[in-house]
């Protein structure tokens, strides 16, 4: 009997699409905002776990201090 396929991850489970306006903004704007528990603010030299959680919001910023990416993983 063939195994059942795993369900696909829910697209945008962490609602990253609602935060795309942050891309290009200075990282300092994050201090005045609230995000779901577990949200990660990731700098260029920050170590992060490799576990995949499609419901976790990740906000990445670069050496310039500007937000470069908002995504779910």
PDB file of N, CA and C in Angstrom:
ATOM      1  N   UNK A   1       0.845  -1.180   0.000  1.00  0.00           N
ATOM      2  CA  UNK A   1       0.000   0.000   0.000  1.00  0.00           C
ATOM      3  C   UNK A   1       0.892   1.245   0.000  1.00  0.00           C
ATOM      4  N   UNK A   2       0.689   2.188  -0.924  1.00  0.00           N
ATOM      5  CA  UNK A   2       1.531   3.390  -0.967  1.00  0.00           C
ATOM      6  C   UNK A   2       1.267   4.279   0.244  1.00  0.00           C
ATOM      7  N   UNK A   3       2.331   4.922   0.688  1.00  0.00           N
ATOM      8  CA  UNK A   3       2.203   5.860   1.819  1.00  0.00           C
ATOM      9  C   UNK A   3       1.454   7.107   1.373  1.00  0.00           C
ATOM     10  N   UNK A   4       0.700   7.681   2.305  1.00  0.00           N
ATOM     11  CA  UNK A   4      -0.007   8.914   1.987  1.00  0.00           C
ATOM     12  C   UNK A   4       0.992  10.072   1.973  1.00  0.00           C
ATOM     13  N   UNK A   5       0.849  10.985   1.024  1.00  0.00           N
ATOM     14  CA  UNK A   5       1.765  12.128   0.994  1.00  0.00           C
ATOM     15  C   UNK A   5       1.522  13.026   2.213  1.00  0.00           C
ATOM     16  N   UNK A   6       2.586  13.659   2.638  1.00  0.00           N
ATOM     17  CA  UNK A   6       2.469  14.611   3.743  1.00  0.00           C
ATOM     18  C   UNK A   6       1.726  15.849   3.268  1.00  0.00           C
ATOM     19  N   UNK A   7       0.932  16.464   4.138  1.00  0.00           N
ATOM     20  CA  UNK A   7       0.240  17.685   3.705  1.00  0.00           C
ATOM     21  C   UNK A   7       1.249  18.797   3.440  1.00  0.00           C
ATOM     22  N   UNK A   8       0.965  19.601   2.458  1.00  0.00           N
ATOM     23  CA  UNK A   8       1.836  20.732   2.153  1.00  0.00           C
ATOM     24  C   UNK A   8       1.748  21.756   3.273  1.00  0.00           C
ATOM     25  N   UNK A   9       2.850  22.463   3.487  1.00  0.00           N
ATOM     26  CA  UNK A   9       2.846  23.543   4.479  1.00  0.00           C
ATOM     27  C   UNK A   9       1.879  24.628   4.013  1.00  0.00           C
ATOM     28  N   UNK A  10       1.215  25.233   4.949  1.00  0.00           N
ATOM     29  CA  UNK A  10       0.288  26.312   4.613  1.00  0.00           C
ATOM     30  C   UNK A  10       1.109  27.500   4.127  1.00  0.00           C
ATOM     31  N   UNK A  11       0.838  27.987   2.912  1.00  0.00           N
ATOM     32  CA  UNK A  11       1.603  29.130   2.430  1.00  0.00           C
ATOM     33  C   UNK A  11       1.369  30.337   3.336  1.00  0.00           C
ATOM     34  N   UNK A  12       2.430  31.026   3.658  1.00  0.00           N
ATOM     35  CA  UNK A  12       2.372  32.248   4.468  1.00  0.00           C
ATOM     36  C   UNK A  12       1.755  31.996   5.846  1.00  0.00           C
ATOM     37  N   UNK A  13       2.071  30.833   6.432  1.00  0.00           N
ATOM     38  CA  UNK A  13       1.526  30.484   7.749  1.00  0.00           C
ATOM     39  C   UNK A  13       1.934  31.482   8.833  1.00  0.00           C
ATOM     40  N   UNK A  14       3.057  32.166   8.647  1.00  0.00           N
ATOM     41  CA  UNK A  14       3.516  33.130   9.648  1.00  0.00           C
ATOM     42  C   UNK A  14       3.072  34.553   9.320  1.00  0.00           C
ATOM     43  N   UNK A  15       2.342  34.717   8.242  1.00  0.00           N
ATOM     44  CA  UNK A  15       1.836  36.025   7.800  1.00  0.00           C
ATOM     45  C   UNK A  15       2.954  37.005   7.410  1.00  0.00           C
ATOM     46  N   UNK A  16       4.005  36.486   6.811  1.00  0.00           N
ATOM     47  CA  UNK A  16       5.109  37.331   6.353  1.00  0.00           C
ATOM     48  C   UNK A  16       4.630  38.358   5.333  1.00  0.00           C
ATOM     49  N   UNK A  17       3.621  38.005   4.547  1.00  0.00           N
ATOM     50  CA  UNK A  17       3.122  38.938   3.526  1.00  0.00           C
ATOM     51  C   UNK A  17       2.618  40.236   4.151  1.00  0.00           C
ATOM     52  N   UNK A  18       2.131  40.163   5.377  1.00  0.00           N
ATOM     53  CA  UNK A  18       1.613  41.362   6.049  1.00  0.00           C
ATOM     54  C   UNK A  18       2.734  42.291   6.512  1.00  0.00           C
ATOM     55  N   UNK A  19       3.977  41.800   6.483  1.00  0.00           N
ATOM     56  CA  UNK A  19       5.106  42.593   6.988  1.00  0.00           C
ATOM     57  C   UNK A  19       6.117  42.947   5.898  1.00  0.00           C
ATOM     58  N   UNK A  20       5.775  42.752   4.631  1.00  0.00           N
ATOM     59  CA  UNK A  20       6.727  43.030   3.552  1.00  0.00           C
ATOM     60  C   UNK A  20       7.092  44.516   3.461  1.00  0.00           C
ATOM     61  N   UNK A  21       6.260  45.379   3.998  1.00  0.00           N
ATOM     62  CA  UNK A  21       6.565  46.812   4.010  1.00  0.00           C
ATOM     63  C   UNK A  21       7.778  47.153   4.860  1.00  0.00           C
ATOM     64  N   UNK A  22       8.228  46.218   5.694  1.00  0.00           N
ATOM     65  CA  UNK A  22       9.416  46.446   6.521  1.00  0.00           C
ATOM     66  C   UNK A  22      10.709  46.363   5.716  1.00  0.00           C
ATOM     67  N   UNK A  23      10.680  45.644   4.597  1.00  0.00           N
ATOM     68  CA  UNK A  23      11.888  45.481   3.789  1.00  0.00           C
ATOM     69  C   UNK A  23      12.383  46.853   3.337  1.00  0.00           C
ATOM     70  N   UNK A  24      13.666  47.109   3.608  1.00  0.00           N
ATOM     71  CA  UNK A  24      14.276  48.394   3.268  1.00  0.00           C
ATOM     72  C   UNK A  24      14.255  49.394   4.407  1.00  0.00           C
ATOM     73  N   UNK A  25      13.486  49.113   5.450  1.00  0.00           N
ATOM     74  CA  UNK A  25      13.396  50.018   6.604  1.00  0.00           C
ATOM     75  C   UNK A  25      14.576  49.779   7.545  1.00  0.00           C
ATOM     76  N   UNK A  26      14.938  50.794   8.356  1.00  0.00           N
ATOM     77  CA  UNK A  26      15.991  50.575   9.351  1.00  0.00           C
ATOM     78  C   UNK A  26      15.505  49.595  10.415  1.00  0.00           C
ATOM     79  N   UNK A  27      16.406  48.765  10.908  1.00  0.00           N
ATOM     80  CA  UNK A  27      16.044  47.755  11.894  1.00  0.00           C
ATOM     81  C   UNK A  27      15.478  48.387  13.167  1.00  0.00           C
ATOM     82  N   UNK A  28      15.791  49.636  13.428  1.00  0.00           N
ATOM     83  CA  UNK A  28      15.298  50.327  14.624  1.00  0.00           C
ATOM     84  C   UNK A  28      13.772  50.400  14.675  1.00  0.00           C
ATOM     85  N   UNK A  29      13.082  50.331  13.537  1.00  0.00           N
ATOM     86  CA  UNK A  29      11.617  50.399  13.545  1.00  0.00           C
ATOM     87  C   UNK A  29      11.007  49.202  14.260  1.00  0.00           C
ATOM     88  N   UNK A  30      11.739  48.097  14.343  1.00  0.00           N
ATOM     89  CA  UNK A  30      11.210  46.894  14.974  1.00  0.00           C
ATOM     90  C   UNK A  30      10.985  47.078  16.470  1.00  0.00           C
ATOM     91  N   UNK A  31      11.746  47.971  17.092  1.00  0.00           N
ATOM     92  CA  UNK A  31      11.631  48.203  18.526  1.00  0.00           C
ATOM     93  C   UNK A  31      10.278  48.729  18.952  1.00  0.00           C
ATOM     94  N   UNK A  32       9.583  49.397  18.056  1.00  0.00           N
ATOM     95  CA  UNK A  32       8.276  49.975  18.376  1.00  0.00           C
ATOM     96  C   UNK A  32       7.126  49.070  17.963  1.00  0.00           C
ATOM     97  N   UNK A  33       7.439  47.870  17.483  1.00  0.00           N
ATOM     98  CA  UNK A  33       6.410  46.972  16.973  1.00  0.00           C
ATOM     99  C   UNK A  33       6.296  45.723  17.840  1.00  0.00           C
ATOM    100  N   UNK A  34       5.149  45.062  17.748  1.00  0.00           N
ATOM    101  CA  UNK A  34       4.983  43.776  18.415  1.00  0.00           C
ATOM    102  C   UNK A  34       4.780  42.710  17.346  1.00  0.00           C
ATOM    103  N   UNK A  35       5.320  41.534  17.614  1.00  0.00           N
ATOM    104  CA  UNK A  35       5.259  40.417  16.683  1.00  0.00           C
ATOM    105  C   UNK A  35       4.828  39.169  17.447  1.00  0.00           C
ATOM    106  N   UNK A  36       4.402  38.136  16.743  1.00  0.00           N
ATOM    107  CA  UNK A  36       4.017  36.892  17.418  1.00  0.00           C
ATOM    108  C   UNK A  36       5.190  36.314  18.219  1.00  0.00           C
ATOM    109  N   UNK A  37       4.863  35.605  19.285  1.00  0.00           N
ATOM    110  CA  UNK A  37       5.890  34.928  20.079  1.00  0.00           C
ATOM    111  C   UNK A  37       6.659  33.986  19.155  1.00  0.00           C
ATOM    112  N   UNK A  38       7.967  33.988  19.292  1.00  0.00           N
ATOM    113  CA  UNK A  38       8.809  33.122  18.475  1.00  0.00           C
ATOM    114  C   UNK A  38       9.391  33.813  17.256  1.00  0.00           C
ATOM    115  N   UNK A  39       8.968  35.044  16.973  1.00  0.00           N
ATOM    116  CA  UNK A  39       9.520  35.780  15.837  1.00  0.00           C
ATOM    117  C   UNK A  39      11.013  35.983  16.056  1.00  0.00           C
ATOM    118  N   UNK A  40      11.779  35.784  14.999  1.00  0.00           N
ATOM    119  CA  UNK A  40      13.228  35.970  15.104  1.00  0.00           C
ATOM    120  C   UNK A  40      13.655  37.203  14.316  1.00  0.00           C
ATOM    121  N   UNK A  41      14.479  38.027  14.957  1.00  0.00           N
ATOM    122  CA  UNK A  41      15.147  39.138  14.294  1.00  0.00           C
ATOM    123  C   UNK A  41      16.585  38.680  14.115  1.00  0.00           C
ATOM    124  N   UNK A  42      16.977  38.502  12.858  1.00  0.00           N
ATOM    125  CA  UNK A  42      18.246  37.841  12.551  1.00  0.00           C
ATOM    126  C   UNK A  42      19.209  38.821  11.890  1.00  0.00           C
ATOM    127  N   UNK A  43      20.340  39.051  12.561  1.00  0.00           N
ATOM    128  CA  UNK A  43      21.384  39.913  12.019  1.00  0.00           C
ATOM    129  C   UNK A  43      22.354  39.129  11.163  1.00  0.00           C
ATOM    130  N   UNK A  44      23.271  39.824  10.491  1.00  0.00           N
ATOM    131  CA  UNK A  44      24.171  39.168   9.537  1.00  0.00           C
ATOM    132  C   UNK A  44      25.106  38.136  10.158  1.00  0.00           C
ATOM    133  N   UNK A  45      25.443  38.263  11.419  1.00  0.00           N
ATOM    134  CA  UNK A  45      26.361  37.311  12.048  1.00  0.00           C
ATOM    135  C   UNK A  45      25.682  36.463  13.119  1.00  0.00           C
ATOM    136  N   UNK A  46      24.353  36.511  13.179  1.00  0.00           N
ATOM    137  CA  UNK A  46      23.613  35.761  14.193  1.00  0.00           C
ATOM    138  C   UNK A  46      23.526  34.279  13.823  1.00  0.00           C
ATOM    139  N   UNK A  47      23.725  33.439  14.810  1.00  0.00           N
ATOM    140  CA  UNK A  47      23.526  31.997  14.626  1.00  0.00           C
ATOM    141  C   UNK A  47      22.050  31.698  14.897  1.00  0.00           C
ATOM    142  N   UNK A  48      21.447  30.866  14.078  1.00  0.00           N
ATOM    143  CA  UNK A  48      20.053  30.479  14.279  1.00  0.00           C
ATOM    144  C   UNK A  48      19.932  28.970  14.143  1.00  0.00           C
ATOM    145  N   UNK A  49      18.907  28.419  14.760  1.00  0.00           N
ATOM    146  CA  UNK A  49      18.668  26.990  14.644  1.00  0.00           C
ATOM    147  C   UNK A  49      18.198  26.665  13.233  1.00  0.00           C
ATOM    148  N   UNK A  50      18.418  25.439  12.815  1.00  0.00           N
ATOM    149  CA  UNK A  50      18.059  25.033  11.461  1.00  0.00           C
ATOM    150  C   UNK A  50      16.708  24.336  11.392  1.00  0.00           C
ATOM    151  N   UNK A  51      15.989  24.288  12.513  1.00  0.00           N
ATOM    152  CA  UNK A  51      14.685  23.627  12.486  1.00  0.00           C
ATOM    153  C   UNK A  51      13.702  24.441  11.656  1.00  0.00           C
ATOM    154  N   UNK A  52      12.920  23.754  10.847  1.00  0.00           N
ATOM    155  CA  UNK A  52      11.962  24.425   9.968  1.00  0.00           C
ATOM    156  C   UNK A  52      10.612  24.501  10.651  1.00  0.00           C
ATOM    157  N   UNK A  53      10.119  25.723  10.816  1.00  0.00           N
ATOM    158  CA  UNK A  53       8.788  25.948  11.379  1.00  0.00           C
ATOM    159  C   UNK A  53       8.071  26.937  10.466  1.00  0.00           C
ATOM    160  N   UNK A  54       7.173  26.490   9.616  1.00  0.00           N
ATOM    161  CA  UNK A  54       6.522  27.380   8.657  1.00  0.00           C
ATOM    162  C   UNK A  54       5.673  28.471   9.319  1.00  0.00           C
ATOM    163  N   UNK A  55       5.364  28.316  10.609  1.00  0.00           N
ATOM    164  CA  UNK A  55       4.563  29.322  11.302  1.00  0.00           C
ATOM    165  C   UNK A  55       5.423  30.372  12.009  1.00  0.00           C
ATOM    166  N   UNK A  56       6.762  30.296  11.862  1.00  0.00           N
ATOM    167  CA  UNK A  56       7.655  31.235  12.549  1.00  0.00           C
ATOM    168  C   UNK A  56       8.047  32.374  11.610  1.00  0.00           C
ATOM    169  N   UNK A  57       7.811  33.589  12.060  1.00  0.00           N
ATOM    170  CA  UNK A  57       8.175  34.792  11.308  1.00  0.00           C
ATOM    171  C   UNK A  57       9.652  35.090  11.539  1.00  0.00           C
ATOM    172  N   UNK A  58      10.379  35.319  10.464  1.00  0.00           N
ATOM    173  CA  UNK A  58      11.803  35.648  10.526  1.00  0.00           C
ATOM    174  C   UNK A  58      12.025  36.971   9.823  1.00  0.00           C
ATOM    175  N   UNK A  59      12.681  37.884  10.520  1.00  0.00           N
ATOM    176  CA  UNK A  59      12.995  39.196   9.962  1.00  0.00           C
ATOM    177  C   UNK A  59      14.510  39.301   9.926  1.00  0.00           C
ATOM    178  N   UNK A  60      15.058  39.391   8.725  1.00  0.00           N
ATOM    179  CA  UNK A  60      16.506  39.414   8.554  1.00  0.00           C
ATOM    180  C   UNK A  60      16.972  40.809   8.159  1.00  0.00           C
ATOM    181  N   UNK A  61      18.069  41.253   8.799  1.00  0.00           N
ATOM    182  CA  UNK A  61      18.651  42.545   8.443  1.00  0.00           C
ATOM    183  C   UNK A  61      20.136  42.386   8.171  1.00  0.00           C
ATOM    184  N   UNK A  62      20.661  43.307   7.386  1.00  0.00           N
ATOM    185  CA  UNK A  62      22.051  43.203   6.961  1.00  0.00           C
ATOM    186  C   UNK A  62      22.974  44.145   7.707  1.00  0.00           C
ATOM    187  N   UNK A  63      24.199  44.189   7.258  1.00  0.00           N
ATOM    188  CA  UNK A  63      25.233  45.027   7.883  1.00  0.00           C
ATOM    189  C   UNK A  63      24.922  46.515   7.809  1.00  0.00           C
ATOM    190  N   UNK A  64      24.094  46.905   6.884  1.00  0.00           N
ATOM    191  CA  UNK A  64      23.732  48.322   6.753  1.00  0.00           C
ATOM    192  C   UNK A  64      22.685  48.729   7.788  1.00  0.00           C
ATOM    193  N   UNK A  65      22.148  47.740   8.542  1.00  0.00           N
ATOM    194  CA  UNK A  65      21.125  48.041   9.534  1.00  0.00           C
ATOM    195  C   UNK A  65      19.740  48.159   8.934  1.00  0.00           C
ATOM    196  N   UNK A  66      19.582  47.693   7.717  1.00  0.00           N
ATOM    197  CA  UNK A  66      18.275  47.731   7.048  1.00  0.00           C
ATOM    198  C   UNK A  66      17.715  46.318   6.910  1.00  0.00           C
ATOM    199  N   UNK A  67      16.410  46.220   7.002  1.00  0.00           N
ATOM    200  CA  UNK A  67      15.725  44.935   6.881  1.00  0.00           C
ATOM    201  C   UNK A  67      15.788  44.483   5.423  1.00  0.00           C
ATOM    202  N   UNK A  68      16.246  43.259   5.224  1.00  0.00           N
ATOM    203  CA  UNK A  68      16.441  42.731   3.869  1.00  0.00           C
ATOM    204  C   UNK A  68      15.404  41.677   3.482  1.00  0.00           C
ATOM    205  N   UNK A  69      14.855  40.963   4.480  1.00  0.00           N
ATOM    206  CA  UNK A  69      13.970  39.848   4.137  1.00  0.00           C
ATOM    207  C   UNK A  69      13.016  39.568   5.292  1.00  0.00           C
ATOM    208  N   UNK A  70      11.768  39.274   4.958  1.00  0.00           N
ATOM    209  CA  UNK A  70      10.763  38.850   5.939  1.00  0.00           C
ATOM    210  C   UNK A  70      10.151  37.578   5.375  1.00  0.00           C
ATOM    211  N   UNK A  71      10.271  36.479   6.122  1.00  0.00           N
ATOM    212  CA  UNK A  71       9.804  35.199   5.587  1.00  0.00           C
ATOM    213  C   UNK A  71       9.421  34.219   6.697  1.00  0.00           C
ATOM    214  N   UNK A  72       8.840  33.108   6.263  1.00  0.00           N
ATOM    215  CA  UNK A  72       8.428  32.034   7.178  1.00  0.00           C
ATOM    216  C   UNK A  72       9.417  30.876   7.036  1.00  0.00           C
ATOM    217  N   UNK A  73      10.020  30.468   8.148  1.00  0.00           N
ATOM    218  CA  UNK A  73      10.828  29.230   8.170  1.00  0.00           C
ATOM    219  C   UNK A  73      11.278  28.917   9.572  1.00  0.00           C
TER     220      UNK A  73
END
